[in-house]
Amino acid sequence: MNLRQFHSDAMAALAAEPNRHELERISDMASNLAEMVGWAPDIIDPRGEVCAVLEGIRSSAGQLYDSKSEWEVAIFHDSVAGLMDAISGHDRDLEPGIPGDGEILDSW
């Protein structure tokens, strides 16, 4: 499982009539990816392209929820937002110039 596969599956699910099992599967996929983000040794999205694509998916899920009001779509929307937050937080922690834990503790 990777971001490319998630993107492909998410786009397919959004293009089709909402399917509870498929939306639950890709919601789990997003949650699992969010949990793995911390393992990445480097910045994941240095140019913001990944979060821009994920924002498009999240926005489409929001529009789908507005028209269908199915809770599986809302869960999918929120799991994509969680993945975006995980990537942004991870990358922010690895940005040059951000003090590490040792530097913060030394300043006390």
C-alpha atoms as a PDB file:
ATOM      1  CA  MET A   1       0.000   0.000   0.000  1.00  0.00           C
ATOM      2  CA  ASN A   2       1.290   3.454  -0.896  1.00  0.00           C
ATOM      3  CA  LEU A   3      -0.003   6.941  -1.674  1.00  0.00           C
ATOM      4  CA  ARG A   4      -0.212   6.201  -5.398  1.00  0.00           C
ATOM      5  CA  GLN A   5      -2.446   3.160  -4.799  1.00  0.00           C
ATOM      6  CA  PHE A   6      -4.549   5.135  -2.297  1.00  0.00           C
ATOM      7  CA  HIS A   7      -5.031   7.917  -4.848  1.00  0.00           C
ATOM      8  CA  SER A   8      -6.096   5.464  -7.541  1.00  0.00           C
ATOM      9  CA  ASP A   9      -8.538   3.647  -5.266  1.00  0.00           C
ATOM     10  CA  ALA A  10      -9.944   6.882  -3.828  1.00  0.00           C
ATOM     11  CA  MET A  11     -10.560   8.394  -7.248  1.00  0.00           C
ATOM     12  CA  ALA A  12     -12.285   5.213  -8.427  1.00  0.00           C
ATOM     13  CA  ALA A  13     -14.494   5.155  -5.349  1.00  0.00           C
ATOM     14  CA  LEU A  14     -15.443   8.802  -5.758  1.00  0.00           C
ATOM     15  CA  ALA A  15     -16.291   8.316  -9.434  1.00  0.00           C
ATOM     16  CA  ALA A  16     -18.672   5.428  -8.703  1.00  0.00           C
ATOM     17  CA  GLU A  17     -21.908   5.245  -6.795  1.00  0.00           C
ATOM     18  CA  PRO A  18     -20.986   5.207  -3.072  1.00  0.00           C
ATOM     19  CA  ASN A  19     -20.220   1.660  -1.938  1.00  0.00           C
ATOM     20  CA  ARG A  20     -20.092   1.160   1.813  1.00  0.00           C
ATOM     21  CA  HIS A  21     -17.480  -1.590   1.775  1.00  0.00           C
ATOM     22  CA  GLU A  22     -15.191   0.206  -0.675  1.00  0.00           C
ATOM     23  CA  LEU A  23     -15.397   3.480   1.252  1.00  0.00           C
ATOM     24  CA  GLU A  24     -14.607   1.659   4.489  1.00  0.00           C
ATOM     25  CA  ARG A  25     -11.625  -0.041   2.803  1.00  0.00           C
ATOM     26  CA  ILE A  26     -10.112   3.167   1.479  1.00  0.00           C
ATOM     27  CA  SER A  27     -10.835   4.970   4.767  1.00  0.00           C
ATOM     28  CA  ASP A  28      -8.834   2.238   6.494  1.00  0.00           C
ATOM     29  CA  MET A  29      -6.141   2.635   3.854  1.00  0.00           C
ATOM     30  CA  ALA A  30      -5.891   6.374   4.598  1.00  0.00           C
ATOM     31  CA  SER A  31      -5.746   5.724   8.338  1.00  0.00           C
ATOM     32  CA  ASN A  32      -3.050   3.088   7.896  1.00  0.00           C
ATOM     33  CA  LEU A  33      -1.002   5.416   5.707  1.00  0.00           C
ATOM     34  CA  ALA A  34      -1.348   8.163   8.329  1.00  0.00           C
ATOM     35  CA  GLU A  35       0.022   5.785  10.955  1.00  0.00           C
ATOM     36  CA  MET A  36       3.018   4.946   8.758  1.00  0.00           C
ATOM     37  CA  VAL A  37       3.924   8.566   7.982  1.00  0.00           C
ATOM     38  CA  GLY A  38       6.179   8.818  11.021  1.00  0.00           C
ATOM     39  CA  TRP A  39       8.397   6.076   9.625  1.00  0.00           C
ATOM     40  CA  ALA A  40       9.389   8.173   6.607  1.00  0.00           C
ATOM     41  CA  PRO A  41      13.028   9.233   7.032  1.00  0.00           C
ATOM     42  CA  ASP A  42      12.646  12.380   4.929  1.00  0.00           C
ATOM     43  CA  ILE A  43      10.096  15.046   4.109  1.00  0.00           C
ATOM     44  CA  ILE A  44       7.222  13.422   2.209  1.00  0.00           C
ATOM     45  CA  ASP A  45       5.747  16.455   0.445  1.00  0.00           C
ATOM     46  CA  PRO A  46       8.411  19.150  -0.015  1.00  0.00           C
ATOM     47  CA  ARG A  47       6.462  21.029  -2.730  1.00  0.00           C
ATOM     48  CA  GLY A  48       2.962  20.555  -1.300  1.00  0.00           C
ATOM     49  CA  GLU A  49       1.854  18.454  -4.254  1.00  0.00           C
ATOM     50  CA  VAL A  50       0.719  15.458  -2.205  1.00  0.00           C
ATOM     51  CA  CYS A  51      -1.418  17.572   0.106  1.00  0.00           C
ATOM     52  CA  ALA A  52      -2.892  19.386  -2.907  1.00  0.00           C
ATOM     53  CA  VAL A  53      -3.980  16.054  -4.405  1.00  0.00           C
ATOM     54  CA  LEU A  54      -5.299  14.863  -1.044  1.00  0.00           C
ATOM     55  CA  GLU A  55      -7.182  18.150  -0.645  1.00  0.00           C
ATOM     56  CA  GLY A  56      -8.875  17.467  -3.988  1.00  0.00           C
ATOM     57  CA  ILE A  57      -9.920  14.010  -2.775  1.00  0.00           C
ATOM     58  CA  ARG A  58     -11.106  15.423   0.569  1.00  0.00           C
ATOM     59  CA  SER A  59     -13.051  18.173  -1.159  1.00  0.00           C
ATOM     60  CA  SER A  60     -14.696  15.687  -3.557  1.00  0.00           C
ATOM     61  CA  ALA A  61     -15.645  13.507  -0.593  1.00  0.00           C
ATOM     62  CA  GLY A  62     -17.192  16.545   1.097  1.00  0.00           C
ATOM     63  CA  GLN A  63     -19.242  17.307  -1.997  1.00  0.00           C
ATOM     64  CA  LEU A  64     -20.326  13.677  -2.228  1.00  0.00           C
ATOM     65  CA  TYR A  65     -21.395  13.746   1.408  1.00  0.00           C
ATOM     66  CA  ASP A  66     -23.379  16.934   0.791  1.00  0.00           C
ATOM     67  CA  SER A  67     -25.316  15.183  -1.968  1.00  0.00           C
ATOM     68  CA  LYS A  68     -25.667  11.678  -0.459  1.00  0.00           C
ATOM     69  CA  SER A  69     -25.382  12.193   3.334  1.00  0.00           C
ATOM     70  CA  GLU A  70     -23.919   8.731   3.855  1.00  0.00           C
ATOM     71  CA  TRP A  71     -21.808   8.313   6.982  1.00  0.00           C
ATOM     72  CA  GLU A  72     -19.211   6.179   5.156  1.00  0.00           C
ATOM     73  CA  VAL A  73     -18.444   9.184   2.954  1.00  0.00           C
ATOM     74  CA  ALA A  74     -18.011  11.393   6.034  1.00  0.00           C
ATOM     75  CA  ILE A  75     -15.624   8.867   7.579  1.00  0.00           C
ATOM     76  CA  PHE A  76     -13.665   8.736   4.329  1.00  0.00           C
ATOM     77  CA  HIS A  77     -13.508  12.546   4.247  1.00  0.00           C
ATOM     78  CA  ASP A  78     -12.186  12.649   7.805  1.00  0.00           C
ATOM     79  CA  SER A  79      -9.634   9.892   7.209  1.00  0.00           C
ATOM     80  CA  VAL A  80      -8.208  11.825   4.245  1.00  0.00           C
ATOM     81  CA  ALA A  81      -8.011  14.939   6.437  1.00  0.00           C
ATOM     82  CA  GLY A  82      -6.177  12.865   9.060  1.00  0.00           C
ATOM     83  CA  LEU A  83      -3.682  11.672   6.452  1.00  0.00           C
ATOM     84  CA  MET A  84      -3.112  15.252   5.328  1.00  0.00           C
ATOM     85  CA  ASP A  85      -2.532  16.339   8.935  1.00  0.00           C
ATOM     86  CA  ALA A  86      -0.099  13.474   9.521  1.00  0.00           C
ATOM     87  CA  ILE A  87       1.952  14.331   6.427  1.00  0.00           C
ATOM     88  CA  SER A  88       1.970  18.057   7.201  1.00  0.00           C
ATOM     89  CA  GLY A  89       3.002  17.473  10.820  1.00  0.00           C
ATOM     90  CA  HIS A  90       5.727  15.009   9.856  1.00  0.00           C
ATOM     91  CA  ASP A  91       7.148  17.343   7.240  1.00  0.00           C
ATOM     92  CA  ARG A  92       6.973  20.338   9.559  1.00  0.00           C
ATOM     93  CA  ASP A  93       8.934  18.380  12.179  1.00  0.00           C
ATOM     94  CA  LEU A  94      11.679  17.644   9.630  1.00  0.00           C
ATOM     95  CA  GLU A  95      11.957  21.135   8.139  1.00  0.00           C
ATOM     96  CA  PRO A  96      15.414  22.650   8.452  1.00  0.00           C
ATOM     97  CA  GLY A  97      15.597  25.354  11.081  1.00  0.00           C
ATOM     98  CA  ILE A  98      13.016  23.764  13.350  1.00  0.00           C
ATOM     99  CA  PRO A  99      14.698  23.161  16.688  1.00  0.00           C
ATOM    100  CA  GLY A 100      14.954  19.548  17.777  1.00  0.00           C
ATOM    101  CA  ASP A 101      13.919  18.343  21.217  1.00  0.00           C
ATOM    102  CA  GLY A 102      17.446  18.787  22.541  1.00  0.00           C
ATOM    103  CA  GLU A 103      17.573  22.422  21.471  1.00  0.00           C
ATOM    104  CA  ILE A 104      14.248  23.163  23.154  1.00  0.00           C
ATOM    105  CA  LEU A 105      15.338  21.503  26.376  1.00  0.00           C
ATOM    106  CA  ASP A 106      18.672  23.327  26.307  1.00  0.00           C
ATOM    107  CA  SER A 107      16.886  26.675  26.135  1.00  0.00           C
ATOM    108  CA  TRP A 108      15.084  26.066  29.464  1.00  0.00           C
END
